Amino acid sequence: MEVTHTITNLIIFVLAIYVGYHVVWTVTPALHTPLMAVTNAISAIIIIGAMLAAGLTEGVVGQVAGTLAVALAAVNVFGGFLVTQRMLEMFKKKEPKAKPAAKEGAQQ
């Protein structure tokens, strides 16, 4: 029995989802921000692999799965950058509030 390229690509896609799910859920919240950059880099590599899967596959199912993988990985990359930016803003020092100006009548 011969395994087609579409089935091979689908197996790789499903395994990538499985591994990604377990990697994300095992990260502690304190390590989330430093590891987001690595996760975004991995997602960028996934986008390249998904584009290859979508472009080199002859069957329609493989092309649809590859295109879906590109879209989901792109959402993951952009969402990761947004989450990282928001988390880094939480660590910035807040500017002190300006003291209200004294009323002119109170100084007399």
PDB file of N, CA and C in Angstrom:
ATOM      1  N   MET A   1       0.846  -1.181   0.000  1.00  0.00           N
ATOM      2  CA  MET A   1       0.000   0.000   0.000  1.00  0.00           C
ATOM      3  C   MET A   1       0.890   1.243   0.000  1.00  0.00           C
ATOM      4  N   GLU A   2       0.615   2.120  -0.894  1.00  0.00           N
ATOM      5  CA  GLU A   2       1.415   3.335  -1.036  1.00  0.00           C
ATOM      6  C   GLU A   2       0.726   4.501  -0.330  1.00  0.00           C
ATOM      7  N   VAL A   3       1.513   5.245   0.435  1.00  0.00           N
ATOM      8  CA  VAL A   3       0.989   6.409   1.143  1.00  0.00           C
ATOM      9  C   VAL A   3       1.216   7.637   0.264  1.00  0.00           C
ATOM     10  N   THR A   4       0.157   8.385  -0.006  1.00  0.00           N
ATOM     11  CA  THR A   4       0.266   9.554  -0.872  1.00  0.00           C
ATOM     12  C   THR A   4       0.900  10.720  -0.106  1.00  0.00           C
ATOM     13  N   HIS A   5       1.342  11.710  -0.862  1.00  0.00           N
ATOM     14  CA  HIS A   5       1.937  12.896  -0.249  1.00  0.00           C
ATOM     15  C   HIS A   5       0.916  13.655   0.590  1.00  0.00           C
ATOM     16  N   THR A   6      -0.330  13.603   0.180  1.00  0.00           N
ATOM     17  CA  THR A   6      -1.381  14.291   0.928  1.00  0.00           C
ATOM     18  C   THR A   6      -1.538  13.689   2.312  1.00  0.00           C
ATOM     19  N   ILE A   7      -1.533  12.393   2.403  1.00  0.00           N
ATOM     20  CA  ILE A   7      -1.656  11.721   3.700  1.00  0.00           C
ATOM     21  C   ILE A   7      -0.439  12.029   4.565  1.00  0.00           C
ATOM     22  N   THR A   8       0.748  12.019   3.969  1.00  0.00           N
ATOM     23  CA  THR A   8       1.967  12.345   4.714  1.00  0.00           C
ATOM     24  C   THR A   8       1.905  13.767   5.256  1.00  0.00           C
ATOM     25  N   ASN A   9       1.490  14.704   4.421  1.00  0.00           N
ATOM     26  CA  ASN A   9       1.374  16.100   4.864  1.00  0.00           C
ATOM     27  C   ASN A   9       0.309  16.255   5.946  1.00  0.00           C
ATOM     28  N   LEU A  10      -0.788  15.524   5.825  1.00  0.00           N
ATOM     29  CA  LEU A  10      -1.844  15.591   6.836  1.00  0.00           C
ATOM     30  C   LEU A  10      -1.347  15.029   8.170  1.00  0.00           C
ATOM     31  N   ILE A  11      -0.579  13.974   8.133  1.00  0.00           N
ATOM     32  CA  ILE A  11      -0.016  13.400   9.361  1.00  0.00           C
ATOM     33  C   ILE A  11       0.937  14.393  10.014  1.00  0.00           C
ATOM     34  N   ILE A  12       1.779  15.032   9.232  1.00  0.00           N
ATOM     35  CA  ILE A  12       2.701  16.040   9.767  1.00  0.00           C
ATOM     36  C   ILE A  12       1.924  17.197  10.380  1.00  0.00           C
ATOM     37  N   PHE A  13       0.858  17.616   9.711  1.00  0.00           N
ATOM     38  CA  PHE A  13       0.028  18.713  10.216  1.00  0.00           C
ATOM     39  C   PHE A  13      -0.605  18.354  11.561  1.00  0.00           C
ATOM     40  N   VAL A  14      -1.155  17.161  11.660  1.00  0.00           N
ATOM     41  CA  VAL A  14      -1.798  16.725  12.908  1.00  0.00           C
ATOM     42  C   VAL A  14      -0.760  16.589  14.020  1.00  0.00           C
ATOM     43  N   LEU A  15       0.404  16.056  13.719  1.00  0.00           N
ATOM     44  CA  LEU A  15       1.457  15.937  14.728  1.00  0.00           C
ATOM     45  C   LEU A  15       1.944  17.307  15.188  1.00  0.00           C
ATOM     46  N   ALA A  16       2.020  18.269  14.281  1.00  0.00           N
ATOM     47  CA  ALA A  16       2.424  19.621  14.656  1.00  0.00           C
ATOM     48  C   ALA A  16       1.406  20.249  15.604  1.00  0.00           C
ATOM     49  N   ILE A  17       0.132  20.025  15.354  1.00  0.00           N
ATOM     50  CA  ILE A  17      -0.904  20.528  16.257  1.00  0.00           C
ATOM     51  C   ILE A  17      -0.760  19.888  17.629  1.00  0.00           C
ATOM     52  N   TYR A  18      -0.566  18.586  17.671  1.00  0.00           N
ATOM     53  CA  TYR A  18      -0.446  17.859  18.941  1.00  0.00           C
ATOM     54  C   TYR A  18       0.757  18.337  19.751  1.00  0.00           C
ATOM     55  N   VAL A  19       1.900  18.421  19.114  1.00  0.00           N
ATOM     56  CA  VAL A  19       3.115  18.866  19.812  1.00  0.00           C
ATOM     57  C   VAL A  19       2.977  20.316  20.262  1.00  0.00           C
ATOM     58  N   GLY A  20       2.453  21.171  19.398  1.00  0.00           N
ATOM     59  CA  GLY A  20       2.275  22.571  19.754  1.00  0.00           C
ATOM     60  C   GLY A  20       1.354  22.751  20.939  1.00  0.00           C
ATOM     61  N   TYR A  21       0.279  21.994  20.984  1.00  0.00           N
ATOM     62  CA  TYR A  21      -0.660  22.076  22.108  1.00  0.00           C
ATOM     63  C   TYR A  21       0.029  21.718  23.413  1.00  0.00           C
ATOM     64  N   HIS A  22       0.772  20.635  23.441  1.00  0.00           N
ATOM     65  CA  HIS A  22       1.431  20.200  24.672  1.00  0.00           C
ATOM     66  C   HIS A  22       2.576  21.127  25.075  1.00  0.00           C
ATOM     67  N   VAL A  23       3.256  21.703  24.117  1.00  0.00           N
ATOM     68  CA  VAL A  23       4.340  22.644  24.439  1.00  0.00           C
ATOM     69  C   VAL A  23       3.780  23.910  25.075  1.00  0.00           C
ATOM     70  N   VAL A  24       2.703  24.434  24.529  1.00  0.00           N
ATOM     71  CA  VAL A  24       2.135  25.683  25.045  1.00  0.00           C
ATOM     72  C   VAL A  24       1.558  25.499  26.443  1.00  0.00           C
ATOM     73  N   TRP A  25       0.862  24.415  26.684  1.00  0.00           N
ATOM     74  CA  TRP A  25       0.202  24.238  27.977  1.00  0.00           C
ATOM     75  C   TRP A  25       1.150  23.847  29.097  1.00  0.00           C
ATOM     76  N   THR A  26       2.391  23.493  28.794  1.00  0.00           N
ATOM     77  CA  THR A  26       3.339  23.154  29.859  1.00  0.00           C
ATOM     78  C   THR A  26       4.210  24.324  30.279  1.00  0.00           C
ATOM     79  N   VAL A  27       4.073  25.474  29.624  1.00  0.00           N
ATOM     80  CA  VAL A  27       4.876  26.646  29.964  1.00  0.00           C
ATOM     81  C   VAL A  27       4.242  27.362  31.154  1.00  0.00           C
ATOM     82  N   THR A  28       5.050  27.659  32.166  1.00  0.00           N
ATOM     83  CA  THR A  28       4.541  28.396  33.320  1.00  0.00           C
ATOM     84  C   THR A  28       4.330  29.859  32.939  1.00  0.00           C
ATOM     85  N   PRO A  29       3.420  30.546  33.611  1.00  0.00           N
ATOM     86  CA  PRO A  29       3.150  31.949  33.253  1.00  0.00           C
ATOM     87  C   PRO A  29       4.380  32.857  33.362  1.00  0.00           C
ATOM     88  N   ALA A  30       5.282  32.583  34.296  1.00  0.00           N
ATOM     89  CA  ALA A  30       6.467  33.439  34.455  1.00  0.00           C
ATOM     90  C   ALA A  30       7.397  33.358  33.248  1.00  0.00           C
ATOM     91  N   LEU A  31       7.380  32.243  32.553  1.00  0.00           N
ATOM     92  CA  LEU A  31       8.261  32.064  31.397  1.00  0.00           C
ATOM     93  C   LEU A  31       7.580  32.398  30.079  1.00  0.00           C
ATOM     94  N   HIS A  32       6.337  32.817  30.146  1.00  0.00           N
ATOM     95  CA  HIS A  32       5.581  33.026  28.917  1.00  0.00           C
ATOM     96  C   HIS A  32       6.203  34.084  28.017  1.00  0.00           C
ATOM     97  N   THR A  33       6.533  35.239  28.581  1.00  0.00           N
ATOM     98  CA  THR A  33       7.034  36.342  27.762  1.00  0.00           C
ATOM     99  C   THR A  33       8.365  36.010  27.085  1.00  0.00           C
ATOM    100  N   PRO A  34       9.366  35.476  27.811  1.00  0.00           N
ATOM    101  CA  PRO A  34      10.624  35.174  27.117  1.00  0.00           C
ATOM    102  C   PRO A  34      10.497  34.098  26.047  1.00  0.00           C
ATOM    103  N   LEU A  35       9.582  33.172  26.246  1.00  0.00           N
ATOM    104  CA  LEU A  35       9.469  32.077  25.289  1.00  0.00           C
ATOM    105  C   LEU A  35       8.571  32.402  24.100  1.00  0.00           C
ATOM    106  N   MET A  36       7.853  33.523  24.167  1.00  0.00           N
ATOM    107  CA  MET A  36       6.987  33.876  23.039  1.00  0.00           C
ATOM    108  C   MET A  36       7.794  34.149  21.775  1.00  0.00           C
ATOM    109  N   ALA A  37       8.971  34.738  21.922  1.00  0.00           N
ATOM    110  CA  ALA A  37       9.800  35.010  20.745  1.00  0.00           C
ATOM    111  C   ALA A  37      10.200  33.700  20.062  1.00  0.00           C
ATOM    112  N   VAL A  38      10.526  32.699  20.849  1.00  0.00           N
ATOM    113  CA  VAL A  38      10.889  31.397  20.288  1.00  0.00           C
ATOM    114  C   VAL A  38       9.674  30.760  19.625  1.00  0.00           C
ATOM    115  N   THR A  39       8.533  30.878  20.271  1.00  0.00           N
ATOM    116  CA  THR A  39       7.303  30.314  19.705  1.00  0.00           C
ATOM    117  C   THR A  39       6.960  30.984  18.380  1.00  0.00           C
ATOM    118  N   ASN A  40       7.143  32.305  18.321  1.00  0.00           N
ATOM    119  CA  ASN A  40       6.875  33.009  17.069  1.00  0.00           C
ATOM    120  C   ASN A  40       7.839  32.564  15.976  1.00  0.00           C
ATOM    121  N   ALA A  41       9.083  32.309  16.339  1.00  0.00           N
ATOM    122  CA  ALA A  41      10.052  31.823  15.350  1.00  0.00           C
ATOM    123  C   ALA A  41       9.667  30.434  14.848  1.00  0.00           C
ATOM    124  N   ILE A  42       9.215  29.576  15.748  1.00  0.00           N
ATOM    125  CA  ILE A  42       8.782  28.233  15.349  1.00  0.00           C
ATOM    126  C   ILE A  42       7.561  28.333  14.442  1.00  0.00           C
ATOM    127  N   SER A  43       6.647  29.239  14.777  1.00  0.00           N
ATOM    128  CA  SER A  43       5.462  29.410  13.935  1.00  0.00           C
ATOM    129  C   SER A  43       5.841  29.921  12.549  1.00  0.00           C
ATOM    130  N   ALA A  44       6.865  30.757  12.473  1.00  0.00           N
ATOM    131  CA  ALA A  44       7.320  31.224  11.165  1.00  0.00           C
ATOM    132  C   ALA A  44       7.866  30.063  10.345  1.00  0.00           C
ATOM    133  N   ILE A  45       8.558  29.138  10.993  1.00  0.00           N
ATOM    134  CA  ILE A  45       9.047  27.947  10.290  1.00  0.00           C
ATOM    135  C   ILE A  45       7.876  27.085   9.845  1.00  0.00           C
ATOM    136  N   ILE A  46       6.841  27.007  10.685  1.00  0.00           N
ATOM    137  CA  ILE A  46       5.644  26.239  10.325  1.00  0.00           C
ATOM    138  C   ILE A  46       4.975  26.850   9.102  1.00  0.00           C
ATOM    139  N   ILE A  47       4.974  28.184   9.025  1.00  0.00           N
ATOM    140  CA  ILE A  47       4.382  28.840   7.857  1.00  0.00           C
ATOM    141  C   ILE A  47       5.127  28.422   6.590  1.00  0.00           C
ATOM    142  N   ILE A  48       6.444  28.358   6.659  1.00  0.00           N
ATOM    143  CA  ILE A  48       7.225  27.951   5.481  1.00  0.00           C
ATOM    144  C   ILE A  48       6.893  26.517   5.097  1.00  0.00           C
ATOM    145  N   GLY A  49       6.832  25.634   6.082  1.00  0.00           N
ATOM    146  CA  GLY A  49       6.469  24.245   5.803  1.00  0.00           C
ATOM    147  C   GLY A  49       5.060  24.112   5.253  1.00  0.00           C
ATOM    148  N   ALA A  50       4.145  24.914   5.781  1.00  0.00           N
ATOM    149  CA  ALA A  50       2.764  24.863   5.294  1.00  0.00           C
ATOM    150  C   ALA A  50       2.668  25.386   3.861  1.00  0.00           C
ATOM    151  N   MET A  51       3.458  26.412   3.538  1.00  0.00           N
ATOM    152  CA  MET A  51       3.456  26.908   2.156  1.00  0.00           C
ATOM    153  C   MET A  51       4.007  25.843   1.204  1.00  0.00           C
ATOM    154  N   LEU A  52       5.035  25.130   1.656  1.00  0.00           N
ATOM    155  CA  LEU A  52       5.563  24.040   0.831  1.00  0.00           C
ATOM    156  C   LEU A  52       4.510  22.951   0.666  1.00  0.00           C
ATOM    157  N   ALA A  53       3.805  22.631   1.760  1.00  0.00           N
ATOM    158  CA  ALA A  53       2.774  21.599   1.682  1.00  0.00           C
ATOM    159  C   ALA A  53       1.652  22.012   0.743  1.00  0.00           C
ATOM    160  N   ALA A  54       1.270  23.292   0.817  1.00  0.00           N
ATOM    161  CA  ALA A  54       0.186  23.761  -0.050  1.00  0.00           C
ATOM    162  C   ALA A  54       0.632  23.846  -1.508  1.00  0.00           C
ATOM    163  N   GLY A  55       1.877  24.236  -1.738  1.00  0.00           N
ATOM    164  CA  GLY A  55       2.346  24.428  -3.111  1.00  0.00           C
ATOM    165  C   GLY A  55       2.782  23.158  -3.815  1.00  0.00           C
ATOM    166  N   LEU A  56       3.351  22.223  -3.076  1.00  0.00           N
ATOM    167  CA  LEU A  56       3.906  21.024  -3.710  1.00  0.00           C
ATOM    168  C   LEU A  56       2.926  19.856  -3.763  1.00  0.00           C
ATOM    169  N   THR A  57       1.827  19.953  -3.044  1.00  0.00           N
ATOM    170  CA  THR A  57       0.855  18.867  -3.026  1.00  0.00           C
ATOM    171  C   THR A  57       0.003  18.924  -4.281  1.00  0.00           C
ATOM    172  N   GLU A  58      -0.226  17.768  -4.876  1.00  0.00           N
ATOM    173  CA  GLU A  58      -1.005  17.717  -6.106  1.00  0.00           C
ATOM    174  C   GLU A  58      -2.502  17.632  -5.839  1.00  0.00           C
ATOM    175  N   GLY A  59      -2.885  17.048  -4.727  1.00  0.00           N
ATOM    176  CA  GLY A  59      -4.308  16.876  -4.440  1.00  0.00           C
ATOM    177  C   GLY A  59      -4.932  18.119  -3.833  1.00  0.00           C
ATOM    178  N   VAL A  60      -6.225  18.245  -4.017  1.00  0.00           N
ATOM    179  CA  VAL A  60      -6.959  19.399  -3.509  1.00  0.00           C
ATOM    180  C   VAL A  60      -6.991  19.380  -1.979  1.00  0.00           C
ATOM    181  N   VAL A  61      -7.130  18.214  -1.386  1.00  0.00           N
ATOM    182  CA  VAL A  61      -7.206  18.111   0.068  1.00  0.00           C
ATOM    183  C   VAL A  61      -5.905  18.601   0.704  1.00  0.00           C
ATOM    184  N   GLY A  62      -4.778  18.220   0.133  1.00  0.00           N
ATOM    185  CA  GLY A  62      -3.484  18.667   0.647  1.00  0.00           C
ATOM    186  C   GLY A  62      -3.290  20.166   0.491  1.00  0.00           C
ATOM    187  N   GLN A  63      -3.753  20.704  -0.621  1.00  0.00           N
ATOM    188  CA  GLN A  63      -3.639  22.140  -0.835  1.00  0.00           C
ATOM    189  C   GLN A  63      -4.512  22.915   0.152  1.00  0.00           C
ATOM    190  N   VAL A  64      -5.706  22.412   0.408  1.00  0.00           N
ATOM    191  CA  VAL A  64      -6.594  23.066   1.369  1.00  0.00           C
ATOM    192  C   VAL A  64      -5.999  22.973   2.774  1.00  0.00           C
ATOM    193  N   ALA A  65      -5.483  21.804   3.145  1.00  0.00           N
ATOM    194  CA  ALA A  65      -4.877  21.637   4.468  1.00  0.00           C
ATOM    195  C   ALA A  65      -3.641  22.526   4.617  1.00  0.00           C
ATOM    196  N   GLY A  66      -2.829  22.622   3.566  1.00  0.00           N
ATOM    197  CA  GLY A  66      -1.655  23.491   3.614  1.00  0.00           C
ATOM    198  C   GLY A  66      -2.031  24.956   3.720  1.00  0.00           C
ATOM    199  N   THR A  67      -3.043  25.358   2.986  1.00  0.00           N
ATOM    200  CA  THR A  67      -3.510  26.743   3.060  1.00  0.00           C
ATOM    201  C   THR A  67      -4.075  27.046   4.437  1.00  0.00           C
ATOM    202  N   LEU A  68      -4.831  26.117   4.985  1.00  0.00           N
ATOM    203  CA  LEU A  68      -5.362  26.282   6.342  1.00  0.00           C
ATOM    204  C   LEU A  68      -4.226  26.372   7.358  1.00  0.00           C
ATOM    205  N   ALA A  69      -3.191  25.564   7.163  1.00  0.00           N
ATOM    206  CA  ALA A  69      -2.034  25.613   8.065  1.00  0.00           C
ATOM    207  C   ALA A  69      -1.320  26.953   7.980  1.00  0.00           C
ATOM    208  N   VAL A  70      -1.199  27.512   6.783  1.00  0.00           N
ATOM    209  CA  VAL A  70      -0.582  28.836   6.629  1.00  0.00           C
ATOM    210  C   VAL A  70      -1.405  29.884   7.376  1.00  0.00           C
ATOM    211  N   ALA A  71      -2.721  29.841   7.203  1.00  0.00           N
ATOM    212  CA  ALA A  71      -3.589  30.825   7.863  1.00  0.00           C
ATOM    213  C   ALA A  71      -3.513  30.711   9.381  1.00  0.00           C
ATOM    214  N   LEU A  72      -3.580  29.501   9.909  1.00  0.00           N
ATOM    215  CA  LEU A  72      -3.544  29.316  11.364  1.00  0.00           C
ATOM    216  C   LEU A  72      -2.192  29.699  11.950  1.00  0.00           C
ATOM    217  N   ALA A  73      -1.122  29.365  11.267  1.00  0.00           N
ATOM    218  CA  ALA A  73       0.208  29.737  11.757  1.00  0.00           C
ATOM    219  C   ALA A  73       0.400  31.248  11.709  1.00  0.00           C
ATOM    220  N   ALA A  74      -0.135  31.899  10.688  1.00  0.00           N
ATOM    221  CA  ALA A  74      -0.033  33.363  10.602  1.00  0.00           C
ATOM    222  C   ALA A  74      -0.793  34.023  11.746  1.00  0.00           C
ATOM    223  N   VAL A  75      -1.974  33.517  12.053  1.00  0.00           N
ATOM    224  CA  VAL A  75      -2.734  34.039  13.194  1.00  0.00           C
ATOM    225  C   VAL A  75      -1.941  33.835  14.481  1.00  0.00           C
ATOM    226  N   ASN A  76      -1.283  32.700  14.602  1.00  0.00           N
ATOM    227  CA  ASN A  76      -0.484  32.413  15.796  1.00  0.00           C
ATOM    228  C   ASN A  76       0.689  33.384  15.918  1.00  0.00           C
ATOM    229  N   VAL A  77       1.360  33.680  14.821  1.00  0.00           N
ATOM    230  CA  VAL A  77       2.496  34.607  14.858  1.00  0.00           C
ATOM    231  C   VAL A  77       2.043  36.003  15.247  1.00  0.00           C
ATOM    232  N   PHE A  78       1.044  36.522  14.557  1.00  0.00           N
ATOM    233  CA  PHE A  78       0.600  37.886  14.836  1.00  0.00           C
ATOM    234  C   PHE A  78      -0.026  38.000  16.225  1.00  0.00           C
ATOM    235  N   GLY A  79      -0.787  36.997  16.621  1.00  0.00           N
ATOM    236  CA  GLY A  79      -1.354  36.993  17.970  1.00  0.00           C
ATOM    237  C   GLY A  79      -0.272  36.909  19.031  1.00  0.00           C
ATOM    238  N   GLY A  80       0.769  36.145  18.762  1.00  0.00           N
ATOM    239  CA  GLY A  80       1.885  36.049  19.702  1.00  0.00           C
ATOM    240  C   GLY A  80       2.593  37.376  19.900  1.00  0.00           C
ATOM    241  N   PHE A  81       2.778  38.108  18.806  1.00  0.00           N
ATOM    242  CA  PHE A  81       3.398  39.427  18.933  1.00  0.00           C
ATOM    243  C   PHE A  81       2.511  40.384  19.725  1.00  0.00           C
ATOM    244  N   LEU A  82       1.220  40.329  19.514  1.00  0.00           N
ATOM    245  CA  LEU A  82       0.310  41.205  20.258  1.00  0.00           C
ATOM    246  C   LEU A  82       0.306  40.874  21.747  1.00  0.00           C
ATOM    247  N   VAL A  83       0.258  39.591  22.064  1.00  0.00           N
ATOM    248  CA  VAL A  83       0.268  39.179  23.475  1.00  0.00           C
ATOM    249  C   VAL A  83       1.582  39.572  24.131  1.00  0.00           C
ATOM    250  N   THR A  84       2.690  39.373  23.447  1.00  0.00           N
ATOM    251  CA  THR A  84       3.993  39.735  24.006  1.00  0.00           C
ATOM    252  C   THR A  84       4.078  41.235  24.250  1.00  0.00           C
ATOM    253  N   GLN A  85       3.589  42.021  23.316  1.00  0.00           N
ATOM    254  CA  GLN A  85       3.608  43.473  23.483  1.00  0.00           C
ATOM    255  C   GLN A  85       2.775  43.892  24.689  1.00  0.00           C
ATOM    256  N   ARG A  86       1.621  43.321  24.855  1.00  0.00           N
ATOM    257  CA  ARG A  86       0.772  43.676  26.005  1.00  0.00           C
ATOM    258  C   ARG A  86       1.412  43.253  27.324  1.00  0.00           C
ATOM    259  N   MET A  87       2.050  42.077  27.336  1.00  0.00           N
ATOM    260  CA  MET A  87       2.687  41.613  28.574  1.00  0.00           C
ATOM    261  C   MET A  87       3.891  42.483  28.918  1.00  0.00           C
ATOM    262  N   LEU A  88       4.659  42.904  27.915  1.00  0.00           N
ATOM    263  CA  LEU A  88       5.806  43.765  28.185  1.00  0.00           C
ATOM    264  C   LEU A  88       5.371  45.138  28.680  1.00  0.00           C
ATOM    265  N   GLU A  89       4.233  45.629  28.208  1.00  0.00           N
ATOM    266  CA  GLU A  89       3.719  46.903  28.698  1.00  0.00           C
ATOM    267  C   GLU A  89       3.340  46.831  30.175  1.00  0.00           C
ATOM    268  N   MET A  90       2.977  45.658  30.645  1.00  0.00           N
ATOM    269  CA  MET A  90       2.630  45.499  32.057  1.00  0.00           C
ATOM    270  C   MET A  90       3.850  45.703  32.948  1.00  0.00           C
ATOM    271  N   PHE A  91       5.045  45.456  32.436  1.00  0.00           N
ATOM    272  CA  PHE A  91       6.257  45.573  33.238  1.00  0.00           C
ATOM    273  C   PHE A  91       6.889  46.958  33.182  1.00  0.00           C
ATOM    274  N   LYS A  92       6.377  47.831  32.334  1.00  0.00           N
ATOM    275  CA  LYS A  92       6.926  49.184  32.253  1.00  0.00           C
ATOM    276  C   LYS A  92       6.519  49.973  33.487  1.00  0.00           C
ATOM    277  N   LYS A  93       7.420  50.861  33.910  1.00  0.00           N
ATOM    278  CA  LYS A  93       7.097  51.721  35.043  1.00  0.00           C
ATOM    279  C   LYS A  93       6.070  52.748  34.608  1.00  0.00           C
ATOM    280  N   LYS A  94       5.111  52.950  35.479  1.00  0.00           N
ATOM    281  CA  LYS A  94       4.087  53.931  35.179  1.00  0.00           C
ATOM    282  C   LYS A  94       4.600  55.315  35.539  1.00  0.00           C
ATOM    283  N   GLU A  95       4.246  56.280  34.716  1.00  0.00           N
ATOM    284  CA  GLU A  95       4.663  57.653  34.976  1.00  0.00           C
ATOM    285  C   GLU A  95       3.861  58.195  36.166  1.00  0.00           C
ATOM    286  N   PRO A  96       4.525  58.950  37.053  1.00  0.00           N
ATOM    287  CA  PRO A  96       3.787  59.502  38.185  1.00  0.00           C
ATOM    288  C   PRO A  96       2.750  60.514  37.699  1.00  0.00           C
ATOM    289  N   LYS A  97       1.650  60.514  38.398  1.00  0.00           N
ATOM    290  CA  LYS A  97       0.587  61.441  38.021  1.00  0.00           C
ATOM    291  C   LYS A  97       1.007  62.862  38.375  1.00  0.00           C
ATOM    292  N   ALA A  98       0.671  63.791  37.517  1.00  0.00           N
ATOM    293  CA  ALA A  98       1.014  65.194  37.757  1.00  0.00           C
ATOM    294  C   ALA A  98       0.148  65.727  38.892  1.00  0.00           C
ATOM    295  N   LYS A  99       0.782  66.495  39.784  1.00  0.00           N
ATOM    296  CA  LYS A  99       0.026  67.079  40.892  1.00  0.00           C
ATOM    297  C   LYS A  99      -0.882  68.158  40.342  1.00  0.00           C
ATOM    298  N   PRO A 100      -2.091  68.239  40.868  1.00  0.00           N
ATOM    299  CA  PRO A 100      -2.996  69.284  40.368  1.00  0.00           C
ATOM    300  C   PRO A 100      -2.459  70.660  40.733  1.00  0.00           C
ATOM    301  N   ALA A 101      -2.625  71.598  39.835  1.00  0.00           N
ATOM    302  CA  ALA A 101      -2.151  72.976  40.069  1.00  0.00           C
ATOM    303  C   ALA A 101      -2.932  73.598  41.220  1.00  0.00           C
ATOM    304  N   ALA A 102      -2.212  74.346  42.059  1.00  0.00           N
ATOM    305  CA  ALA A 102      -2.868  74.994  43.221  1.00  0.00           C
ATOM    306  C   ALA A 102      -3.793  76.087  42.713  1.00  0.00           C
ATOM    307  N   LYS A 103      -4.904  76.218  43.373  1.00  0.00           N
ATOM    308  CA  LYS A 103      -5.881  77.255  42.996  1.00  0.00           C
ATOM    309  C   LYS A 103      -5.337  78.613  43.377  1.00  0.00           C
ATOM    310  N   GLU A 104      -5.607  79.598  42.559  1.00  0.00           N
ATOM    311  CA  GLU A 104      -5.092  80.950  42.809  1.00  0.00           C
ATOM    312  C   GLU A 104      -5.680  81.546  44.084  1.00  0.00           C
ATOM    313  N   GLY A 105      -6.887  81.267  44.397  1.00  0.00           N
ATOM    314  CA  GLY A 105      -7.520  81.844  45.581  1.00  0.00           C
ATOM    315  C   GLY A 105      -6.981  81.257  46.869  1.00  0.00           C
ATOM    316  N   ALA A 106      -6.455  80.041  46.844  1.00  0.00           N
ATOM    317  CA  ALA A 106      -5.952  79.390  48.059  1.00  0.00           C
ATOM    318  C   ALA A 106      -4.606  79.918  48.473  1.00  0.00           C
ATOM    319  N   GLN A 107      -3.856  80.544  47.570  1.00  0.00           N
ATOM    320  CA  GLN A 107      -2.518  81.031  47.903  1.00  0.00           C
ATOM    321  C   GLN A 107      -2.551  82.361  48.637  1.00  0.00           C
ATOM    322  N   GLN A 108      -3.616  83.094  48.603  1.00  0.00           N
ATOM    323  CA  GLN A 108      -3.671  84.440  49.215  1.00  0.00           C
ATOM    324  C   GLN A 108      -3.786  84.376  50.670  1.00  0.00           C
TER     325      GLN A 108
END
